C-alpha atoms as a PDB file:
ATOM      1  CA  MET A   1     -53.546  19.470 -13.656  1.00  0.00           C
ATOM      2  CA  ASP A   2     -51.197  22.354 -14.902  1.00  0.00           C
ATOM      3  CA  GLU A   3     -54.890  24.139 -16.055  1.00  0.00           C
ATOM      4  CA  VAL A   4     -55.832  23.884 -12.574  1.00  0.00           C
ATOM      5  CA  ALA A   5     -52.789  25.232 -11.098  1.00  0.00           C
ATOM      6  CA  SER A   6     -52.728  28.347 -13.672  1.00  0.00           C
ATOM      7  CA  LEU A   7     -56.395  28.950 -12.487  1.00  0.00           C
ATOM      8  CA  MET A   8     -55.592  28.826  -8.700  1.00  0.00           C
ATOM      9  CA  ALA A   9     -52.578  31.413  -9.169  1.00  0.00           C
ATOM     10  CA  PRO A  10     -55.047  34.480  -8.844  1.00  0.00           C
ATOM     11  CA  TRP A  11     -56.229  33.026  -5.682  1.00  0.00           C
ATOM     12  CA  GLY A  12     -52.598  33.394  -4.283  1.00  0.00           C
ATOM     13  CA  TRP A  13     -51.894  29.486  -4.640  1.00  0.00           C
ATOM     14  CA  GLY A  14     -48.219  28.599  -6.060  1.00  0.00           C
ATOM     15  CA  ARG A  15     -47.747  26.605  -8.749  1.00  0.00           C
ATOM     16  CA  HIS A  16     -46.646  23.439  -6.356  1.00  0.00           C
ATOM     17  CA  ILE A  17     -49.684  23.847  -4.379  1.00  0.00           C
ATOM     18  CA  SER A  18     -52.142  24.371  -7.045  1.00  0.00           C
ATOM     19  CA  ARG A  19     -50.830  20.836  -8.841  1.00  0.00           C
ATOM     20  CA  ILE A  20     -50.881  18.893  -5.577  1.00  0.00           C
ATOM     21  CA  PHE A  21     -54.115  20.142  -4.897  1.00  0.00           C
ATOM     22  CA  ALA A  22     -55.055  18.949  -8.405  1.00  0.00           C
ATOM     23  CA  TYR A  23     -53.510  15.615  -8.431  1.00  0.00           C
ATOM     24  CA  LEU A  24     -55.249  15.026  -4.813  1.00  0.00           C
ATOM     25  CA  LEU A  25     -58.456  15.800  -6.063  1.00  0.00           C
ATOM     26  CA  LEU A  26     -58.257  13.772  -9.162  1.00  0.00           C
ATOM     27  CA  ARG A  27     -57.133  10.614  -7.095  1.00  0.00           C
ATOM     28  CA  GLU A  28     -59.279   7.727  -5.542  1.00  0.00           C
ATOM     29  CA  GLN A  29     -57.343   6.911  -2.984  1.00  0.00           C
ATOM     30  CA  PRO A  30     -54.722   8.754  -0.696  1.00  0.00           C
ATOM     31  CA  ALA A  31     -51.237   9.394  -1.689  1.00  0.00           C
ATOM     32  CA  THR A  32     -47.852   9.193  -0.525  1.00  0.00           C
ATOM     33  CA  LEU A  33     -45.354  12.031  -0.437  1.00  0.00           C
ATOM     34  CA  ASP A  34     -43.250   9.914  -2.915  1.00  0.00           C
ATOM     35  CA  GLU A  35     -46.116   9.071  -5.070  1.00  0.00           C
ATOM     36  CA  ILE A  36     -46.966  12.985  -5.109  1.00  0.00           C
ATOM     37  CA  SER A  37     -43.298  13.431  -5.897  1.00  0.00           C
ATOM     38  CA  GLU A  38     -42.658  10.889  -8.557  1.00  0.00           C
ATOM     39  CA  HIS A  39     -46.119  11.393 -10.613  1.00  0.00           C
ATOM     40  CA  LEU A  40     -45.800  15.368 -10.216  1.00  0.00           C
ATOM     41  CA  GLY A  41     -41.931  15.561 -10.795  1.00  0.00           C
ATOM     42  CA  ILE A  42     -41.491  17.542  -7.755  1.00  0.00           C
ATOM     43  CA  SER A  43     -38.756  17.387  -4.986  1.00  0.00           C
ATOM     44  CA  LYS A  44     -40.381  15.163  -2.075  1.00  0.00           C
ATOM     45  CA  SER A  45     -39.028  18.173   0.058  1.00  0.00           C
ATOM     46  CA  ILE A  46     -41.212  20.596  -1.675  1.00  0.00           C
ATOM     47  CA  VAL A  47     -44.189  17.992  -1.682  1.00  0.00           C
ATOM     48  CA  SER A  48     -44.117  17.718   2.004  1.00  0.00           C
ATOM     49  CA  VAL A  49     -43.771  21.432   2.706  1.00  0.00           C
ATOM     50  CA  ALA A  50     -46.952  22.178   0.082  1.00  0.00           C
ATOM     51  CA  THR A  51     -49.006  19.312   1.499  1.00  0.00           C
ATOM     52  CA  ARG A  52     -48.180  20.429   4.835  1.00  0.00           C
ATOM     53  CA  GLU A  53     -49.802  23.948   3.560  1.00  0.00           C
ATOM     54  CA  LEU A  54     -52.924  22.746   2.277  1.00  0.00           C
ATOM     55  CA  GLU A  55     -53.472  20.352   5.345  1.00  0.00           C
ATOM     56  CA  GLN A  56     -53.039  23.441   7.456  1.00  0.00           C
ATOM     57  CA  TYR A  57     -55.769  25.435   5.515  1.00  0.00           C
ATOM     58  CA  GLY A  58     -58.124  22.562   5.237  1.00  0.00           C
ATOM     59  CA  ASN A  59     -57.182  21.925   1.642  1.00  0.00           C
ATOM     60  CA  ALA A  60     -55.939  18.210   1.895  1.00  0.00           C
ATOM     61  CA  ARG A  61     -56.491  15.644   4.733  1.00  0.00           C
ATOM     62  CA  ARG A  62     -53.656  14.052   6.393  1.00  0.00           C
ATOM     63  CA  HIS A  63     -53.998   9.940   7.001  1.00  0.00           C
ATOM     64  CA  SER A  64     -51.615   7.723   8.615  1.00  0.00           C
ATOM     65  CA  GLN A  65     -50.853   4.004   8.156  1.00  0.00           C
ATOM     66  CA  PRO A  66     -51.211   1.976  11.350  1.00  0.00           C
ATOM     67  CA  GLY A  67     -47.582   0.460  12.155  1.00  0.00           C
ATOM     68  CA  THR A  68     -45.959   2.626   9.797  1.00  0.00           C
ATOM     69  CA  LYS A  69     -44.356   6.160   9.920  1.00  0.00           C
ATOM     70  CA  GLN A  70     -45.968   6.923   6.257  1.00  0.00           C
ATOM     71  CA  ILE A  71     -48.390   9.851   5.654  1.00  0.00           C
ATOM     72  CA  LEU A  72     -50.752   9.894   3.162  1.00  0.00           C
ATOM     73  CA  TYR A  73     -52.779  12.824   1.988  1.00  0.00           C
ATOM     74  CA  SER A  74     -56.008  13.178   0.108  1.00  0.00           C
ATOM     75  CA  ALA A  75     -58.424  15.717  -1.219  1.00  0.00           C
ATOM     76  CA  PRO A  76     -61.145  17.093   1.483  1.00  0.00           C
ATOM     77  CA  ASP A  77     -64.693  15.678   1.643  1.00  0.00           C
ATOM     78  CA  LYS A  78     -66.316  18.900   1.441  1.00  0.00           C
ATOM     79  CA  ARG A  79     -64.399  22.083   1.871  1.00  0.00           C
ATOM     80  CA  TYR A  80     -62.421  23.114  -1.253  1.00  0.00           C
ATOM     81  CA  GLY A  81     -60.066  25.960  -2.540  1.00  0.00           C
ATOM     82  CA  PRO A  82     -58.582  29.070  -0.833  1.00  0.00           C
ATOM     83  CA  PHE A  83     -61.901  30.800  -0.465  1.00  0.00           C
ATOM     84  CA  PRO A  84     -61.989  31.083   3.339  1.00  0.00           C
ATOM     85  CA  ASP A  85     -58.641  32.611   3.694  1.00  0.00           C
ATOM     86  CA  GLN A  86     -59.766  34.796   0.579  1.00  0.00           C
ATOM     87  CA  ALA A  87     -62.874  35.674   2.486  1.00  0.00           C
ATOM     88  CA  LYS A  88     -61.198  36.624   5.835  1.00  0.00           C
ATOM     89  CA  MET A  89     -58.884  38.690   3.876  1.00  0.00           C
ATOM     90  CA  MET A  90     -61.763  40.581   2.059  1.00  0.00           C
ATOM     91  CA  GLY A  91     -63.315  41.358   5.410  1.00  0.00           C
ATOM     92  CA  THR A  92     -59.854  42.714   6.629  1.00  0.00           C
ATOM     93  CA  ILE A  93     -59.401  44.980   3.783  1.00  0.00           C
ATOM     94  CA  ALA A  94     -63.328  46.153   3.844  1.00  0.00           C
ATOM     95  CA  THR A  95     -62.355  47.078   7.582  1.00  0.00           C
ATOM     96  CA  LEU A  96     -59.454  48.964   6.540  1.00  0.00           C
ATOM     97  CA  MET A  97     -60.898  50.938   3.715  1.00  0.00           C
ATOM     98  CA  THR A  98     -64.062  52.396   6.208  1.00  0.00           C
ATOM     99  CA  ARG A  99     -61.238  53.410   8.682  1.00  0.00           C
ATOM    100  CA  GLN A 100     -59.367  55.295   5.995  1.00  0.00           C
ATOM    101  CA  GLN A 101     -59.367  58.924   6.697  1.00  0.00           C
ATOM    102  CA  THR A 102     -59.819  61.272   3.828  1.00  0.00           C
ATOM    103  CA  ASP A 103     -60.864  65.047   3.208  1.00  0.00           C
ATOM    104  CA  SER A 104     -62.088  64.001  -0.180  1.00  0.00           C
ATOM    105  CA  ALA A 105     -66.018  63.023  -0.555  1.00  0.00           C
ATOM    106  CA  VAL A 106     -65.282  61.385  -3.943  1.00  0.00           C
ATOM    107  CA  VAL A 107     -62.430  59.153  -2.211  1.00  0.00           C
ATOM    108  CA  LYS A 108     -64.624  58.541   0.768  1.00  0.00           C
ATOM    109  CA  GLN A 109     -67.517  57.398  -1.251  1.00  0.00           C
ATOM    110  CA  ARG A 110     -65.442  55.101  -3.519  1.00  0.00           C
ATOM    111  CA  LEU A 111     -64.019  53.465  -0.392  1.00  0.00           C
ATOM    112  CA  THR A 112     -67.295  52.690   1.057  1.00  0.00           C
ATOM    113  CA  LYS A 113     -68.510  51.330  -2.377  1.00  0.00           C
ATOM    114  CA  VAL A 114     -65.195  49.016  -2.654  1.00  0.00           C
ATOM    115  CA  ALA A 115     -65.786  47.778   1.304  1.00  0.00           C
ATOM    116  CA  ALA A 116     -69.612  47.330   0.808  1.00  0.00           C
ATOM    117  CA  PHE A 117     -68.515  45.100  -2.069  1.00  0.00           C
ATOM    118  CA  LEU A 118     -65.808  43.173  -0.473  1.00  0.00           C
ATOM    119  CA  GLN A 119     -67.596  42.703   2.680  1.00  0.00           C
ATOM    120  CA  ALA A 120     -70.882  41.275   0.777  1.00  0.00           C
ATOM    121  CA  MET A 121     -68.302  38.682  -0.930  1.00  0.00           C
ATOM    122  CA  ARG A 122     -67.216  37.741   2.259  1.00  0.00           C
ATOM    123  CA  GLU A 123     -70.629  37.102   3.581  1.00  0.00           C
ATOM    124  CA  ALA A 124     -71.542  35.287   0.657  1.00  0.00           C
ATOM    125  CA  ILE A 125     -68.637  33.013   0.933  1.00  0.00           C
ATOM    126  CA  ASP A 126     -69.166  32.536   4.317  1.00  0.00           C
ATOM    127  CA  GLU A 127     -72.864  31.507   3.822  1.00  0.00           C
ATOM    128  CA  VAL A 128     -71.706  28.830   1.237  1.00  0.00           C
ATOM    129  CA  TYR A 129     -69.399  27.274   3.689  1.00  0.00           C
ATOM    130  CA  GLU A 130     -72.120  27.264   6.487  1.00  0.00           C
ATOM    131  CA  ARG A 131     -74.200  25.115   4.564  1.00  0.00           C
ATOM    132  CA  PRO A 132     -74.495  21.553   6.105  1.00  0.00           C
ATOM    133  CA  GLU A 133     -73.279  19.973   2.930  1.00  0.00           C
ATOM    134  CA  PHE A 134     -69.852  21.600   3.169  1.00  0.00           C
ATOM    135  CA  ARG A 135     -69.241  21.291   6.750  1.00  0.00           C
ATOM    136  CA  ASP A 136     -66.716  19.072   7.891  1.00  0.00           C
END
């Protein structure tokens, strides 16, 4: 789990979120906040905030148990990681770069190339997520 957490850091994920994501991926059954907290040695309040953030971005699924207020979380079935958010950010940066005013032809060419690269990366990620096997 710690290896996954360290690999997710460059994608903007904090250590706790990354560890919880890895924990959920490695479990067969959904886990309660208490189970996650106990197994990972993270306070329940941090687990609660982190799981809600994972859920908000589609990186965890929330389950309720009939007759109780207990909430369980599991890994998503089809979409994984921070990539949709990163793709959106790449598109935004690309747009900003193409709008940047400069008198330098060299700078303009550099910005155009970087923007084209970022836009291509966004489109590639979006394309993968549109494939039927990765749709929710």
